[in-house]
Protein backbone atom coordinates (compact mmCIF):
# COMPACT_ATOMS: atom_id res chain seq x y z
CA MET A 1 42.83 1.88 15.51
CA LYS A 2 42.34 5.68 15.69
CA ASN A 3 46.06 6.40 16.05
CA ILE A 4 45.30 8.14 19.36
CA ILE A 5 48.88 8.81 20.35
CA LEU A 6 49.67 10.70 17.16
CA SER A 7 46.25 12.43 17.24
CA ASP A 8 46.91 13.69 20.77
CA ARG A 9 50.33 14.99 19.74
CA LEU A 10 48.91 16.78 16.72
CA THR A 11 46.06 18.36 18.67
CA ARG A 12 48.46 19.60 21.41
CA ASN A 13 50.31 21.38 18.62
CA ASN A 14 47.09 22.94 17.21
CA TYR A 15 47.24 20.74 14.11
CA PHE A 16 43.66 19.76 13.24
CA SER A 17 44.00 18.15 9.83
CA PHE A 18 42.74 14.61 10.03
CA TYR A 19 43.72 13.67 6.52
CA ASP A 20 47.41 13.25 7.25
CA PHE A 21 47.41 10.12 9.31
CA TYR A 22 45.97 6.64 9.02
CA ARG A 23 43.11 5.39 11.19
CA GLU A 24 40.29 2.86 10.91
CA GLU A 25 37.05 2.02 12.63
CA LEU A 26 35.98 -1.18 14.43
CA ARG A 27 32.97 -1.83 12.31
CA GLY A 28 33.47 -4.98 10.22
CA LYS A 29 36.86 -5.82 11.75
CA LYS A 30 37.60 -9.34 12.86
CA ILE A 31 38.49 -9.30 16.58
CA GLY A 32 40.01 -12.42 18.03
CA ILE A 33 39.38 -12.84 21.76
CA ILE A 34 41.62 -15.40 23.43
CA GLY A 35 39.91 -16.47 26.62
CA PHE A 36 36.17 -15.95 26.63
CA GLY A 37 35.42 -16.09 30.36
CA LYS A 38 34.01 -13.25 32.41
CA VAL A 39 36.25 -10.50 30.93
CA GLY A 40 36.64 -11.88 27.38
CA SER A 41 32.93 -12.41 26.90
CA LEU A 42 32.13 -8.91 28.21
CA VAL A 43 34.63 -7.43 25.75
CA GLY A 44 32.93 -9.47 22.98
CA LYS A 45 29.54 -8.09 23.93
CA TYR A 46 30.82 -4.54 23.87
CA LEU A 47 32.47 -5.00 20.55
CA LYS A 48 29.35 -6.41 18.93
CA VAL A 49 27.80 -2.97 19.50
CA PHE A 50 30.41 -1.56 17.14
CA GLN A 51 29.42 -4.22 14.60
CA ALA A 52 32.80 -5.97 14.83
CA LYS A 53 33.03 -9.61 13.89
CA ILE A 54 34.01 -11.58 16.96
CA ILE A 55 36.21 -14.73 16.76
CA ALA A 56 36.15 -16.37 20.19
CA ASN A 57 38.53 -19.00 21.55
CA ASP A 58 38.35 -20.83 24.84
CA ILE A 59 39.46 -24.27 25.92
CA ASN A 60 36.53 -24.60 28.36
CA PRO A 61 33.57 -26.43 26.75
CA LEU A 62 31.16 -24.84 29.32
CA VAL A 63 32.23 -21.33 28.14
CA LYS A 64 31.25 -22.29 24.58
CA GLN A 65 27.91 -23.58 25.77
CA ARG A 66 27.28 -20.37 27.77
CA HIS A 67 27.97 -18.15 24.75
CA LYS A 68 26.20 -19.81 21.82
CA ASN A 69 25.59 -16.47 20.12
CA PHE A 70 29.33 -16.14 19.45
CA THR A 71 31.47 -17.87 16.89
CA PHE A 72 34.17 -20.05 18.46
CA LYS A 73 37.13 -21.04 16.24
CA PRO A 74 40.46 -22.92 16.83
CA LEU A 75 43.34 -20.75 18.01
CA ASN A 76 45.27 -21.00 14.78
CA TYR A 77 42.26 -19.81 12.82
CA LEU A 78 41.85 -16.84 15.24
CA LEU A 79 45.52 -15.93 14.94
CA GLU A 80 45.57 -16.08 11.14
CA ASN A 81 42.28 -14.19 10.55
CA SER A 82 41.97 -11.50 13.23
CA ASP A 83 42.59 -7.82 12.61
CA ILE A 84 42.81 -7.29 16.38
CA ILE A 85 43.76 -9.86 19.00
CA THR A 86 43.01 -9.34 22.63
CA VAL A 87 44.15 -11.77 25.36
CA HIS A 88 42.10 -12.69 28.48
CA ILE A 89 43.59 -15.83 29.85
CA PRO A 90 44.97 -16.54 33.31
CA LEU A 91 48.69 -16.85 33.95
CA ASP A 92 49.52 -20.38 35.07
CA GLU A 93 52.25 -22.88 34.23
CA LYS A 94 50.68 -23.89 30.91
CA ASN A 95 50.01 -20.28 29.86
CA TYR A 96 53.47 -18.88 30.63
CA HIS A 97 54.59 -17.26 27.30
CA PHE A 98 51.49 -18.63 25.65
CA ILE A 99 51.79 -15.93 23.04
CA ASN A 100 55.24 -16.72 21.76
CA GLU A 101 57.28 -16.42 18.53
CA ASP A 102 55.26 -18.99 16.68
CA LYS A 103 51.89 -17.44 17.56
CA PHE A 104 53.10 -13.99 16.55
CA LYS A 105 54.30 -15.41 13.23
CA ARG A 106 50.86 -16.92 12.60
CA MET A 107 49.18 -13.50 13.07
CA LYS A 108 48.14 -11.44 10.08
CA ASP A 109 50.55 -8.70 9.03
CA GLY A 110 49.43 -5.47 10.55
CA VAL A 111 47.50 -6.99 13.48
CA ILE A 112 46.68 -4.90 16.51
CA PHE A 113 47.59 -6.73 19.74
CA ILE A 114 46.13 -6.09 23.14
CA ASN A 115 47.13 -7.76 26.50
CA THR A 116 45.24 -6.89 29.61
CA SER A 117 45.40 -10.33 31.15
CA ARG A 118 48.84 -10.99 32.74
CA GLY A 119 52.30 -10.01 31.62
CA GLY A 120 53.82 -13.51 31.68
CA VAL A 121 51.22 -14.75 29.13
CA VAL A 122 53.09 -12.97 26.36
CA ASP A 123 56.80 -13.46 25.53
CA GLU A 124 57.68 -9.72 25.50
CA LYS A 125 60.82 -10.05 23.48
CA TYR A 126 58.90 -11.29 20.50
CA LEU A 127 56.16 -8.74 20.85
CA ILE A 128 58.79 -6.06 20.80
CA HIS A 129 60.51 -7.70 17.78
CA PHE A 130 57.31 -7.91 15.79
CA LEU A 131 56.35 -4.32 16.78
CA LYS A 132 59.69 -3.04 15.40
CA LYS A 133 59.11 -4.97 12.17
CA LYS A 134 55.46 -3.69 11.97
CA LYS A 135 54.19 -7.22 11.69
CA VAL A 136 52.28 -6.12 14.79
CA LEU A 137 51.10 -2.67 13.69
CA SER A 138 50.44 -1.54 17.21
CA ALA A 139 49.81 -2.84 20.71
CA GLY A 140 48.05 -1.87 23.89
CA ILE A 141 49.73 -3.29 26.91
CA ASP A 142 48.45 -2.96 30.47
CA VAL A 143 50.36 -5.81 32.11
CA PHE A 144 54.06 -6.60 32.04
CA GLU A 145 56.13 -9.68 32.81
CA ASN A 146 58.37 -7.95 35.46
CA GLU A 147 55.96 -5.42 37.01
CA PRO A 148 56.52 -2.81 38.16
CA LEU A 149 59.55 -2.75 35.84
CA VAL A 150 58.70 -2.24 32.23
CA ASN A 151 61.03 -3.54 29.49
CA SER A 152 62.95 -0.39 28.43
CA GLU A 153 62.55 -1.36 24.74
CA PHE A 154 58.78 -0.73 24.99
CA ILE A 155 59.51 2.84 25.99
CA THR A 156 61.30 3.56 22.71
CA LEU A 157 58.43 2.34 20.52
CA GLU A 158 55.86 4.78 19.20
CA ASN A 159 53.39 2.09 18.11
CA VAL A 160 52.52 0.86 21.55
CA ILE A 161 50.31 2.31 24.30
CA LEU A 162 51.51 1.41 27.79
CA THR A 163 49.48 1.58 30.93
CA ASN A 164 50.47 0.63 34.47
CA HIS A 165 48.10 -2.34 35.17
CA ILE A 166 45.07 -0.17 35.58
CA ALA A 167 42.47 -2.24 33.67
CA GLY A 168 40.72 -3.47 36.80
CA LYS A 169 42.06 -1.05 39.36
CA THR A 170 39.16 1.23 40.15
CA PRO A 171 37.27 1.93 43.36
CA GLU A 172 34.18 0.21 41.82
CA GLY A 173 36.27 -2.86 40.74
CA GLU A 174 37.72 -3.16 44.18
CA LYS A 175 34.27 -3.03 45.83
CA ARG A 176 33.05 -5.67 43.45
CA ILE A 177 35.94 -7.95 44.29
CA LEU A 178 35.40 -7.36 48.03
CA PHE A 179 31.74 -8.31 47.76
CA GLU A 180 32.52 -11.41 45.74
CA ILE A 181 35.01 -12.53 48.41
CA LEU A 182 32.56 -11.82 51.20
CA LYS A 183 29.85 -13.84 49.37
CA LYS A 184 32.24 -16.79 49.00
CA ILE A 185 33.22 -16.62 52.66
CA ASP A 186 29.55 -16.52 53.65
CA LYS A 187 28.78 -19.48 51.36
CA LEU A 188 31.76 -21.44 52.76
CA SER A 189 30.81 -20.68 56.40
CA LYS A 190 27.28 -21.96 55.75
CA PHE A 191 28.70 -25.08 54.09
CA LEU A 192 31.00 -25.74 57.06
CA GLY A 193 28.13 -25.06 59.38
């Protein structure tokens, strides 16, 4: 939303005018979060601090019960009304290419799209198509369908930020995962006796 890639380029060239390029703030923006589990709900909590309007979507009724202070809407409502859409669903058989041509067409013109879940959840050819047409104004992509290979068409686009699956890859994150695994093993060993 802050046009960071362009801002970085301008700053590196000692150009400090901030009137020449478009940017917005999160305050008041409608942010659609597809998948409101551990990660999606945490993203929602963080965004509330910026006074963004959260539109949550999850198929699990328990998730909705756990997060009663958020507004849950049907997926089509989220797609049609969100200024930013961020995806946090697992990749499984039913979610392969979940974000497809039809879902991109339903999105508002000028939407910002973020995927940090799994690459196969998004049909990349349609994301690229709609980025080129500016239907999707910009995107932040941390996961790719054929990792470690990145679709070369992404590389040519200036309205996408690409990162190499780093969202959860930190020493702190790895320790947390290790402790969770150890707790589950301990719990299972006590259950099995």
